[in-house]
Amino acid sequence: MQYIDQLGDKIVLPKTPIRLISLVPSQTELLYDLGLEKRVVGITKFCIHPKNWFKTKERIGGTKNVDIEKIKLLNPDLIIGNKEENTKSDIEKLRKIAPVWMSDVNNLSDSLKMIEELGIICDTEIKAKQIIDKIKLEFSQLEPIPTPKSILYLIWKKPYMAVGNDTFIHTILTDHLGFKNFVGDKTRYPAIDLDKIEGEPEYIFLSTEPFPFKEKHFEEIRSFFPSSKIYLVDGEYFSWYGSRLVNAPRYFKKLLSEL
């Protein structure tokens, strides 16, 4: 069978893949929810969900420094990656080992398409459709804040890094929650000097990942933005674009009710 991934690249699979390697945490969790327990043979050290896979599955390095030789020994017939989370050099090396299907997820529509296509490739279309339908239902019942509020979403410290306008997190914040990105004129994940920013965002979200922000970091942030309301938020619900999206709207509703 021939498939086209989200980068527009063609992959050819002679049969339904039975030895899968996932290079992305959110997609690993999706493969679990698709019922592929026996077929996933390798995951990254950041694939912490589900916990039993994290404890028992072979780990093949990180998302940006995969262990090429270990993957080769696992003899996969399909490797599943992502444009943003994996490096081009790693993917080029992995393509010499097995077909590589790449996702490119920048919004909710992209994530639903990714789930659908992996369901087709892995012959789990029914479960994939069930997940997609649940996500659509939950997001349809999510009401954004009535009046747009400016928000600064921070993902890293030393240097401080924020979320720009061409990211999945940005679309969650703006399209689904109704915020206005305080650094919406910047792309990707810009490094920012907090003491050089003009004005103050109405809200600041400190994400629990990839940098593990905690409430102890509030004081330093508040020294730059004394009027901003600061919240610690679960980064997985904002950035994991697989089956975790089923429960994300419920988390967002609770968060919005607390603002």
Foldseek 3Di string as FASTA:
>chain_A
DWDAAAVRDIDDAPDQWQAEEELDQLVVLQCVLLVNVRRYQEYACPNCPPVVCNVPHHHQYHSADGNLVVVLVSQGQEYEHEPPRYDPVVVVSCVVRYHYHYAYDQELVSLLVVLCVVCVSNVSNVSSVVLSVLLVVLLVPFDADPAAFEEWEWADVPQTKTAEQRHHLNCCVPVRRNYDYPRPVDHGIDGDDLQPDPDATQEYEYECPPPRDDPVCVVVSCVSVVNHHYDYDHVCLRHSSHSSSSCSSVRSVVVVVVD
